[in-house]
N, C-alpha and C. Protein backbone atom coordinates (compact mmCIF):
# COMPACT_ATOMS: atom_id res chain seq x y z
N MET A 1 18.30 168.68 -96.73
CA MET A 1 17.79 169.45 -95.52
C MET A 1 17.17 170.73 -96.04
N ASN A 2 16.70 171.95 -95.94
CA ASN A 2 16.34 173.26 -95.81
C ASN A 2 16.56 173.64 -95.56
N CYS A 3 17.37 175.09 -95.34
CA CYS A 3 17.47 175.84 -94.77
C CYS A 3 17.77 177.35 -94.52
N SER A 4 16.92 178.42 -93.13
CA SER A 4 17.14 179.35 -94.19
C SER A 4 17.60 180.46 -92.80
N GLN A 5 17.86 181.64 -93.82
CA GLN A 5 18.35 182.29 -92.38
C GLN A 5 17.33 183.46 -91.65
N MET A 6 17.45 183.81 -90.72
CA MET A 6 16.62 184.29 -89.76
C MET A 6 16.93 185.50 -89.33
N ARG A 7 16.58 186.88 -89.20
CA ARG A 7 17.01 187.70 -88.00
C ARG A 7 15.95 188.25 -87.23
N ILE A 8 16.44 188.56 -86.44
CA ILE A 8 15.22 188.93 -85.12
C ILE A 8 16.03 190.02 -84.80
N ASN A 9 15.00 191.38 -85.41
CA ASN A 9 15.14 192.37 -84.93
C ASN A 9 15.30 192.47 -83.45
N LEU A 10 15.54 192.97 -82.52
CA LEU A 10 15.07 194.00 -81.34
C LEU A 10 14.78 194.31 -80.20
N LYS A 11 13.74 195.63 -80.74
CA LYS A 11 13.87 196.72 -80.38
C LYS A 11 14.62 197.49 -79.07
N ASN A 12 14.91 198.95 -79.37
CA ASN A 12 14.92 199.29 -77.60
C ASN A 12 14.44 199.86 -77.47
N THR A 13 13.24 198.64 -76.39
CA THR A 13 11.45 198.93 -75.48
C THR A 13 13.12 199.25 -74.36
N TYR A 14 13.70 199.27 -73.35
CA TYR A 14 14.64 199.49 -72.10
C TYR A 14 15.63 201.21 -73.34
N LEU A 15 15.25 201.91 -71.80
CA LEU A 15 16.18 203.22 -72.30
C LEU A 15 17.44 203.07 -72.16
N ARG A 16 17.60 201.64 -70.30
CA ARG A 16 19.26 201.79 -70.52
C ARG A 16 19.80 200.98 -70.50
N ASN A 17 18.70 199.27 -71.10
CA ASN A 17 19.54 198.20 -72.23
C ASN A 17 19.47 198.94 -73.92
N MET A 18 21.14 198.20 -73.80
CA MET A 18 21.49 198.69 -75.67
C MET A 18 20.73 197.35 -76.34
N LYS A 19 19.80 196.75 -77.54
CA LYS A 19 19.59 196.05 -78.03
C LYS A 19 20.42 195.73 -79.39
N THR A 20 20.31 194.52 -79.55
CA THR A 20 21.88 194.26 -80.86
C THR A 20 21.32 192.94 -81.75
N ARG A 21 21.10 193.37 -82.58
CA ARG A 21 20.40 192.41 -83.59
C ARG A 21 21.73 191.03 -83.47
N LEU A 22 20.29 189.98 -84.12
CA LEU A 22 21.94 188.59 -83.96
C LEU A 22 20.70 188.21 -84.83
N ASN A 23 21.64 187.23 -86.08
CA ASN A 23 20.79 186.42 -87.39
C ASN A 23 21.25 184.99 -86.61
N LEU A 24 20.51 184.28 -87.09
CA LEU A 24 19.95 182.70 -86.48
C LEU A 24 19.90 182.09 -87.66
N THR A 25 21.01 181.43 -87.83
CA THR A 25 20.51 180.06 -89.09
C THR A 25 19.62 178.70 -88.13
N ILE A 26 18.19 178.44 -89.13
CA ILE A 26 17.71 177.19 -88.96
C ILE A 26 16.90 176.47 -88.66
N ASP A 27 16.05 175.82 -88.87
CA ASP A 27 15.52 174.45 -90.34
C ASP A 27 14.36 174.95 -90.19
N ASP A 28 13.75 175.68 -91.98
CA ASP A 28 12.26 176.17 -92.60
C ASP A 28 10.82 175.87 -91.63
N ASN A 29 10.78 173.63 -90.83
CA ASN A 29 10.13 173.83 -89.99
C ASN A 29 10.42 174.16 -88.71
N VAL A 30 11.41 173.91 -88.61
CA VAL A 30 11.35 174.86 -87.11
C VAL A 30 10.77 176.28 -86.66
N LEU A 31 11.93 176.81 -88.10
CA LEU A 31 11.42 178.76 -87.92
C LEU A 31 9.72 178.69 -88.48
N GLU A 32 9.54 177.71 -89.33
CA GLU A 32 7.59 177.58 -89.75
C GLU A 32 6.65 177.82 -88.00
N ASN A 33 8.00 176.42 -87.81
CA ASN A 33 6.26 176.13 -85.69
C ASN A 33 6.80 177.34 -84.83
N MET A 34 7.84 177.27 -84.99
CA MET A 34 8.27 178.72 -83.97
C MET A 34 7.19 180.18 -84.78
N LYS A 35 6.75 180.67 -85.40
CA LYS A 35 6.14 181.46 -85.91
C LYS A 35 5.08 181.81 -85.35
N ASN A 36 3.86 180.41 -85.83
CA ASN A 36 2.87 180.11 -85.05
C ASN A 36 3.59 180.14 -84.00
N PHE A 37 4.18 179.26 -83.48
CA PHE A 37 3.64 179.21 -81.48
C PHE A 37 4.34 180.83 -81.20
N ALA A 38 4.99 181.62 -81.73
CA ALA A 38 5.54 182.80 -81.61
C ALA A 38 3.39 183.94 -81.52
N GLN A 39 3.27 183.17 -82.55
CA GLN A 39 1.21 184.12 -82.36
C GLN A 39 0.73 183.93 -81.61
N LYS A 40 0.16 182.69 -81.49
CA LYS A 40 -0.31 182.56 -80.36
C LYS A 40 -0.45 182.41 -79.12
N LYS A 41 1.33 182.65 -78.32
CA LYS A 41 1.15 183.38 -77.40
C LYS A 41 0.71 185.09 -77.40
N GLY A 42 0.75 186.01 -79.14
CA GLY A 42 1.39 187.06 -79.12
C GLY A 42 2.28 188.02 -78.61
N GLU A 43 3.51 186.91 -78.83
CA GLU A 43 4.80 187.63 -78.24
C GLU A 43 6.00 187.42 -79.39
N SER A 44 6.66 188.40 -80.14
CA SER A 44 7.56 188.16 -81.00
C SER A 44 8.27 186.78 -81.20
N ILE A 45 9.04 186.39 -81.54
CA ILE A 45 10.01 185.54 -81.80
C ILE A 45 11.20 185.94 -81.00
N SER A 46 11.90 187.21 -81.97
CA SER A 46 12.42 188.03 -80.70
C SER A 46 12.23 188.60 -79.95
N GLN A 47 10.76 188.53 -79.02
CA GLN A 47 10.77 187.91 -77.62
C GLN A 47 11.52 186.44 -76.92
N ILE A 48 10.38 185.50 -77.11
CA ILE A 48 10.87 184.51 -76.97
C ILE A 48 12.28 183.73 -76.46
N VAL A 49 12.69 184.52 -78.30
CA VAL A 49 14.71 184.09 -77.78
C VAL A 49 15.64 184.52 -76.83
N GLU A 50 15.25 186.03 -76.53
CA GLU A 50 15.85 186.82 -75.61
C GLU A 50 15.09 186.32 -73.66
N ASN A 51 14.02 185.70 -74.31
CA ASN A 51 13.48 185.35 -72.50
C ASN A 51 14.30 184.00 -72.94
N TYR A 52 14.73 183.05 -73.48
CA TYR A 52 14.99 181.90 -72.81
C TYR A 52 15.81 182.07 -73.04
N PHE A 53 16.66 183.02 -73.91
CA PHE A 53 18.48 183.25 -73.27
C PHE A 53 18.55 184.05 -71.34
N THR A 54 17.85 185.50 -71.03
CA THR A 54 17.81 185.42 -70.06
C THR A 54 17.90 183.75 -68.99
N THR A 55 16.65 183.08 -69.27
CA THR A 55 16.60 181.67 -68.44
C THR A 55 17.85 181.80 -68.28
N ILE A 56 17.69 180.95 -69.14
CA ILE A 56 19.49 180.32 -68.66
C ILE A 56 20.37 180.94 -68.28
N ILE A 57 20.64 182.60 -67.91
CA ILE A 57 21.57 182.82 -67.57
C ILE A 57 21.90 182.66 -66.23
N ARG A 58 19.49 183.12 -65.94
CA ARG A 58 19.89 183.34 -64.92
C ARG A 58 19.36 182.19 -63.89
N ASN A 59 18.85 180.54 -64.47
CA ASN A 59 19.62 179.43 -63.91
C ASN A 59 20.73 178.75 -63.39
N LYS A 60 22.49 179.92 -64.43
CA LYS A 60 23.21 179.54 -64.57
C LYS A 60 24.07 179.11 -63.74
N LYS A 61 23.99 181.13 -63.36
CA LYS A 61 24.07 181.94 -62.24
C LYS A 61 23.68 181.16 -61.20
N LYS A 62 22.61 181.10 -60.81
CA LYS A 62 22.15 180.62 -59.53
C LYS A 62 22.49 178.66 -58.84
N LYS A 63 22.90 178.00 -59.94
CA LYS A 63 23.19 176.36 -59.85
C LYS A 63 24.45 176.69 -59.71
N LYS A 64 24.60 175.95 -58.31
CA LYS A 64 25.65 176.05 -57.52
C LYS A 64 26.09 174.31 -57.69
N ASN A 65 27.38 173.18 -58.36
CA ASN A 65 27.55 171.54 -57.81
C ASN A 65 28.05 171.46 -56.71
N ILE A 66 28.19 169.94 -56.83
CA ILE A 66 27.90 169.46 -55.90
C ILE A 66 29.31 170.66 -54.29
N LEU A 67 30.07 170.46 -55.08
CA LEU A 67 30.79 170.58 -54.38
C LEU A 67 31.66 171.81 -53.77
N GLN A 68 30.81 172.71 -54.89
CA GLN A 68 30.39 174.74 -54.17
C GLN A 68 30.07 174.42 -52.60
N LEU A 69 28.73 173.57 -53.28
CA LEU A 69 28.00 173.81 -51.77
C LEU A 69 28.76 172.58 -50.62
N VAL A 70 29.15 172.03 -50.74
CA VAL A 70 30.06 170.45 -49.54
C VAL A 70 30.94 172.18 -49.49
N GLU A 71 32.55 173.77 -49.99
CA GLU A 71 32.78 174.13 -49.41
C GLU A 71 32.25 174.79 -48.40
N ASP A 72 31.14 175.77 -49.47
CA ASP A 72 29.72 176.25 -48.51
C ASP A 72 29.74 176.18 -46.49
N LEU A 73 29.68 174.87 -46.26
CA LEU A 73 29.44 174.46 -45.15
C LEU A 73 30.27 174.41 -44.97
N GLU A 74 29.40 174.65 -43.51
CA GLU A 74 30.63 175.96 -42.05
C GLU A 74 31.33 174.02 -41.30
N PRO A 75 31.90 174.59 -41.27
CA PRO A 75 32.19 172.75 -40.21
C PRO A 75 32.06 172.50 -39.62
N PRO A 76 31.79 172.24 -39.14
CA PRO A 76 30.47 170.90 -37.56
C PRO A 76 32.10 171.30 -36.37
N VAL A 77 31.43 171.70 -35.16
CA VAL A 77 32.04 171.42 -34.27
C VAL A 77 32.09 170.14 -32.92
N VAL A 78 33.85 169.49 -33.10
CA VAL A 78 33.85 169.15 -32.29
C VAL A 78 35.00 168.84 -31.59
N GLU A 79 35.19 167.99 -30.67
CA GLU A 79 36.39 168.40 -29.69
C GLU A 79 37.20 168.10 -30.87
N SER A 80 39.42 168.58 -29.90
CA SER A 80 40.15 167.10 -31.11
C SER A 80 39.70 166.33 -29.73
N LYS A 81 40.03 165.81 -28.53
CA LYS A 81 40.28 164.54 -28.33
C LYS A 81 39.01 164.23 -28.24
N ALA A 82 37.91 163.88 -28.95
CA ALA A 82 37.10 163.30 -28.94
C ALA A 82 36.82 162.35 -29.37
N ASP A 83 36.11 161.48 -29.00
CA ASP A 83 35.70 159.79 -30.43
C ASP A 83 34.89 159.94 -30.76
N LEU A 84 35.29 159.81 -31.93
CA LEU A 84 34.34 159.92 -33.10
C LEU A 84 33.40 158.87 -33.88
N LYS A 85 33.80 157.72 -32.83
CA LYS A 85 32.43 156.71 -33.07
C LYS A 85 31.76 156.81 -32.64
N ASP A 86 32.01 157.57 -30.66
CA ASP A 86 31.46 156.90 -29.96
C ASP A 86 31.03 157.99 -29.98
N LEU A 87 30.63 158.94 -31.33
CA LEU A 87 30.06 159.89 -30.80
C LEU A 87 29.16 160.47 -32.37
N PHE A 88 29.16 159.30 -33.51
CA PHE A 88 28.99 158.75 -34.20
C PHE A 88 27.43 157.53 -33.79
N TYR A 89 27.80 157.21 -33.43
CA TYR A 89 27.05 156.03 -32.34
C TYR A 89 26.17 156.45 -32.21
N LYS A 90 26.13 157.91 -30.48
CA LYS A 90 25.82 158.51 -29.21
C LYS A 90 24.16 159.11 -30.96
N GLU A 91 24.91 159.98 -31.96
CA GLU A 91 23.97 160.62 -32.62
C GLU A 91 23.51 159.65 -32.92
N ASN A 92 23.48 158.45 -33.97
CA ASN A 92 21.67 157.95 -34.45
C ASN A 92 20.88 156.84 -33.39
N ALA A 93 21.75 156.70 -31.93
CA ALA A 93 20.74 156.65 -30.95
C ALA A 93 19.77 156.97 -31.37
N LYS A 94 20.25 158.70 -31.10
CA LYS A 94 18.67 159.37 -30.99
C LYS A 94 18.41 160.05 -31.82
N LYS A 95 19.05 159.71 -32.82
CA LYS A 95 17.86 159.45 -34.66
C LYS A 95 17.30 158.52 -34.72
N HIS A 96 17.85 158.08 -34.39
CA HIS A 96 16.65 156.59 -34.58
C HIS A 96 16.47 155.00 -33.31
N GLY A 97 16.80 156.13 -32.39
CA GLY A 97 15.52 154.97 -31.46
C GLY A 97 16.73 154.34 -31.06
N PHE A 98 18.15 153.23 -31.30
CA PHE A 98 18.25 152.04 -31.16
C PHE A 98 19.90 152.74 -29.74
């Protein structure tokens, strides 16, 4: 399998954000397909890669696993002497009509 080195030049488009050069080694076919894709979209490969990386970073920050979600829940307000079994049946009777 032939691989070629692709150099992505990230231009200084924002004064407050510093852009850095990134070298990627990818398959020749992937590079050709990406060039065609980028041309059809009217974007550079650098823009596509940067947008993809940004999307990954944002999604990772937003997603919480189930344990984090459970930890964020407020504890239920239940009297210490309450009969939990009785409360369970009463709540389900209201909810399901039995």
